[in-house]
Amino acid sequence: MEKKKSVSPRAAQTSAKADVVTRITAEGISQRAYNLFQARGSEHGHDVEDWLHAEAELRKGSTTEIGTAL
């Protein structure tokens, strides 16, 4: 009979973090940046700021409303 290997909580947590990182794509960043653009009332001229903000949020694993601290 084959024994199942147990995964330590720390290993599971590390694995979960790795999954989050691998899911960050240009498409995901683009979608979040567009959401930030819309939340601002579709005001142009902040595309780079929105992109960087969206990328930072996704890397951190959270999405916050524009204007709040990261």
N, C-alpha and C. Protein backbone atom coordinates (compact mmCIF):
# COMPACT_ATOMS: atom_id res chain seq x y z
N MET A 1 0.85 -1.18 0.00
CA MET A 1 0.00 0.00 0.00
C MET A 1 0.89 1.24 0.00
N GLU A 2 0.56 2.18 -0.86
CA GLU A 2 1.36 3.39 -1.00
C GLU A 2 0.95 4.42 0.04
N LYS A 3 1.95 5.00 0.71
CA LYS A 3 1.69 6.03 1.72
C LYS A 3 1.64 7.39 1.03
N LYS A 4 0.72 8.21 1.48
CA LYS A 4 0.64 9.58 0.96
C LYS A 4 1.63 10.45 1.73
N LYS A 5 2.32 11.29 1.01
CA LYS A 5 3.25 12.21 1.66
C LYS A 5 2.46 13.36 2.25
N SER A 6 2.78 13.72 3.47
CA SER A 6 2.10 14.86 4.07
C SER A 6 2.86 16.13 3.71
N VAL A 7 2.15 17.18 3.51
CA VAL A 7 2.74 18.47 3.16
C VAL A 7 2.66 19.35 4.39
N SER A 8 3.81 19.90 4.76
CA SER A 8 3.83 20.77 5.93
C SER A 8 3.08 22.05 5.63
N PRO A 9 2.53 22.69 6.66
CA PRO A 9 1.81 23.96 6.45
C PRO A 9 2.69 25.01 5.77
N ARG A 10 3.96 25.04 6.13
CA ARG A 10 4.88 26.02 5.53
C ARG A 10 5.06 25.75 4.04
N ALA A 11 5.20 24.49 3.67
CA ALA A 11 5.36 24.13 2.25
C ALA A 11 4.09 24.47 1.48
N ALA A 12 2.94 24.22 2.07
CA ALA A 12 1.67 24.54 1.41
C ALA A 12 1.53 26.04 1.22
N GLN A 13 1.95 26.81 2.21
CA GLN A 13 1.87 28.27 2.13
C GLN A 13 2.81 28.78 1.04
N THR A 14 4.01 28.25 0.98
CA THR A 14 4.97 28.64 -0.04
C THR A 14 4.43 28.31 -1.42
N SER A 15 3.83 27.15 -1.55
CA SER A 15 3.26 26.73 -2.82
C SER A 15 2.13 27.66 -3.24
N ALA A 16 1.30 28.06 -2.30
CA ALA A 16 0.19 28.97 -2.60
C ALA A 16 0.71 30.32 -3.07
N LYS A 17 1.77 30.82 -2.44
CA LYS A 17 2.35 32.09 -2.86
C LYS A 17 2.92 31.97 -4.26
N ALA A 18 3.56 30.86 -4.55
CA ALA A 18 4.12 30.65 -5.89
C ALA A 18 3.02 30.64 -6.93
N ASP A 19 1.87 30.06 -6.62
CA ASP A 19 0.75 30.04 -7.56
C ASP A 19 0.29 31.45 -7.88
N VAL A 20 0.24 32.31 -6.88
CA VAL A 20 -0.19 33.69 -7.10
C VAL A 20 0.77 34.39 -8.03
N VAL A 21 2.05 34.21 -7.82
CA VAL A 21 3.05 34.88 -8.64
C VAL A 21 2.96 34.42 -10.08
N THR A 22 2.76 33.15 -10.31
CA THR A 22 2.73 32.65 -11.68
C THR A 22 1.47 33.06 -12.42
N ARG A 23 0.46 33.50 -11.75
CA ARG A 23 -0.78 33.91 -12.39
C ARG A 23 -0.78 35.37 -12.83
N ILE A 24 0.22 36.13 -12.46
CA ILE A 24 0.28 37.53 -12.86
C ILE A 24 0.71 37.59 -14.32
N THR A 25 -0.17 38.12 -15.15
CA THR A 25 0.10 38.22 -16.58
C THR A 25 -0.14 39.65 -17.03
N ALA A 26 0.37 39.96 -18.21
CA ALA A 26 0.14 41.29 -18.78
C ALA A 26 -1.36 41.53 -18.96
N GLU A 27 -2.09 40.49 -19.32
CA GLU A 27 -3.54 40.62 -19.48
C GLU A 27 -4.21 40.96 -18.16
N GLY A 28 -3.78 40.31 -17.08
CA GLY A 28 -4.35 40.59 -15.76
C GLY A 28 -4.02 41.99 -15.29
N ILE A 29 -2.79 42.42 -15.53
CA ILE A 29 -2.40 43.77 -15.15
C ILE A 29 -3.21 44.78 -15.96
N SER A 30 -3.34 44.50 -17.25
CA SER A 30 -4.10 45.39 -18.13
C SER A 30 -5.54 45.54 -17.66
N GLN A 31 -6.16 44.44 -17.29
CA GLN A 31 -7.55 44.48 -16.83
C GLN A 31 -7.68 45.30 -15.55
N ARG A 32 -6.77 45.09 -14.61
CA ARG A 32 -6.83 45.84 -13.35
C ARG A 32 -6.56 47.32 -13.60
N ALA A 33 -5.60 47.63 -14.49
CA ALA A 33 -5.30 49.03 -14.81
C ALA A 33 -6.52 49.70 -15.44
N TYR A 34 -7.22 48.97 -16.28
CA TYR A 34 -8.43 49.51 -16.90
C TYR A 34 -9.50 49.77 -15.84
N ASN A 35 -9.62 48.88 -14.87
CA ASN A 35 -10.57 49.08 -13.77
C ASN A 35 -10.23 50.35 -12.99
N LEU A 36 -8.94 50.59 -12.77
CA LEU A 36 -8.51 51.80 -12.07
C LEU A 36 -8.85 53.03 -12.91
N PHE A 37 -8.63 52.96 -14.21
CA PHE A 37 -8.98 54.03 -15.14
C PHE A 37 -10.47 54.36 -15.05
N GLN A 38 -11.29 53.33 -15.06
CA GLN A 38 -12.74 53.54 -14.97
C GLN A 38 -13.14 54.11 -13.61
N ALA A 39 -12.50 53.64 -12.54
CA ALA A 39 -12.83 54.12 -11.20
C ALA A 39 -12.51 55.61 -11.06
N ARG A 40 -11.55 56.10 -11.84
CA ARG A 40 -11.18 57.50 -11.81
C ARG A 40 -12.13 58.33 -12.66
N GLY A 41 -13.07 57.70 -13.32
CA GLY A 41 -14.01 58.42 -14.18
C GLY A 41 -13.50 58.49 -15.61
N SER A 42 -12.68 57.53 -15.99
CA SER A 42 -12.12 57.44 -17.36
C SER A 42 -11.29 58.67 -17.73
N GLU A 43 -10.61 59.21 -16.74
CA GLU A 43 -9.74 60.37 -16.96
C GLU A 43 -8.42 59.90 -17.57
N HIS A 44 -8.09 60.44 -18.73
CA HIS A 44 -6.87 60.05 -19.44
C HIS A 44 -5.63 60.70 -18.82
N GLY A 45 -4.46 60.13 -19.17
CA GLY A 45 -3.19 60.71 -18.74
C GLY A 45 -2.55 60.02 -17.56
N HIS A 46 -3.13 58.91 -17.10
CA HIS A 46 -2.58 58.20 -15.94
C HIS A 46 -2.30 56.73 -16.27
N ASP A 47 -2.08 56.44 -17.55
CA ASP A 47 -1.95 55.05 -17.96
C ASP A 47 -0.76 54.34 -17.32
N VAL A 48 0.39 55.00 -17.27
CA VAL A 48 1.57 54.38 -16.67
C VAL A 48 1.36 54.20 -15.16
N GLU A 49 0.82 55.22 -14.52
CA GLU A 49 0.53 55.15 -13.09
C GLU A 49 -0.43 53.99 -12.79
N ASP A 50 -1.49 53.86 -13.61
CA ASP A 50 -2.46 52.79 -13.42
C ASP A 50 -1.81 51.42 -13.61
N TRP A 51 -0.97 51.31 -14.64
CA TRP A 51 -0.30 50.03 -14.91
C TRP A 51 0.58 49.63 -13.72
N LEU A 52 1.40 50.55 -13.25
CA LEU A 52 2.31 50.25 -12.14
C LEU A 52 1.54 49.94 -10.86
N HIS A 53 0.47 50.68 -10.63
CA HIS A 53 -0.37 50.45 -9.45
C HIS A 53 -1.00 49.06 -9.53
N ALA A 54 -1.53 48.72 -10.70
CA ALA A 54 -2.17 47.41 -10.89
C ALA A 54 -1.16 46.29 -10.71
N GLU A 55 0.02 46.45 -11.28
CA GLU A 55 1.06 45.43 -11.16
C GLU A 55 1.47 45.23 -9.70
N ALA A 56 1.64 46.33 -8.98
CA ALA A 56 2.01 46.24 -7.56
C ALA A 56 0.92 45.54 -6.76
N GLU A 57 -0.33 45.86 -7.03
CA GLU A 57 -1.44 45.22 -6.33
C GLU A 57 -1.44 43.71 -6.56
N LEU A 58 -1.29 43.32 -7.81
CA LEU A 58 -1.33 41.90 -8.13
C LEU A 58 -0.14 41.15 -7.53
N ARG A 59 1.01 41.77 -7.53
CA ARG A 59 2.18 41.13 -6.90
C ARG A 59 1.99 40.99 -5.40
N LYS A 60 1.36 41.99 -4.80
CA LYS A 60 1.10 41.97 -3.36
C LYS A 60 -0.03 41.00 -3.02
N GLY A 61 -0.88 40.73 -4.01
CA GLY A 61 -1.99 39.81 -3.78
C GLY A 61 -3.25 40.49 -3.30
N SER A 62 -3.32 41.79 -3.53
CA SER A 62 -4.52 42.51 -3.11
C SER A 62 -4.91 43.51 -4.18
N THR A 63 -6.16 43.90 -4.16
CA THR A 63 -6.60 44.98 -5.02
C THR A 63 -7.24 46.01 -4.14
N THR A 64 -6.68 47.20 -4.18
CA THR A 64 -7.20 48.31 -3.38
C THR A 64 -7.74 49.36 -4.31
N GLU A 65 -8.62 50.18 -3.82
CA GLU A 65 -9.17 51.26 -4.63
C GLU A 65 -8.08 52.30 -4.83
N ILE A 66 -8.16 52.97 -5.95
CA ILE A 66 -7.18 54.00 -6.26
C ILE A 66 -7.24 55.08 -5.19
N GLY A 67 -6.07 55.58 -4.82
CA GLY A 67 -6.00 56.62 -3.81
C GLY A 67 -5.67 56.06 -2.42
N THR A 68 -5.67 54.75 -2.27
CA THR A 68 -5.32 54.18 -0.98
C THR A 68 -3.87 53.70 -1.03
N ALA A 69 -3.25 53.65 0.10
CA ALA A 69 -1.84 53.25 0.17
C ALA A 69 -1.69 51.78 -0.19
N LEU A 70 -0.57 51.50 -0.83
CA LEU A 70 -0.25 50.10 -1.16
C LEU A 70 0.40 49.43 0.01
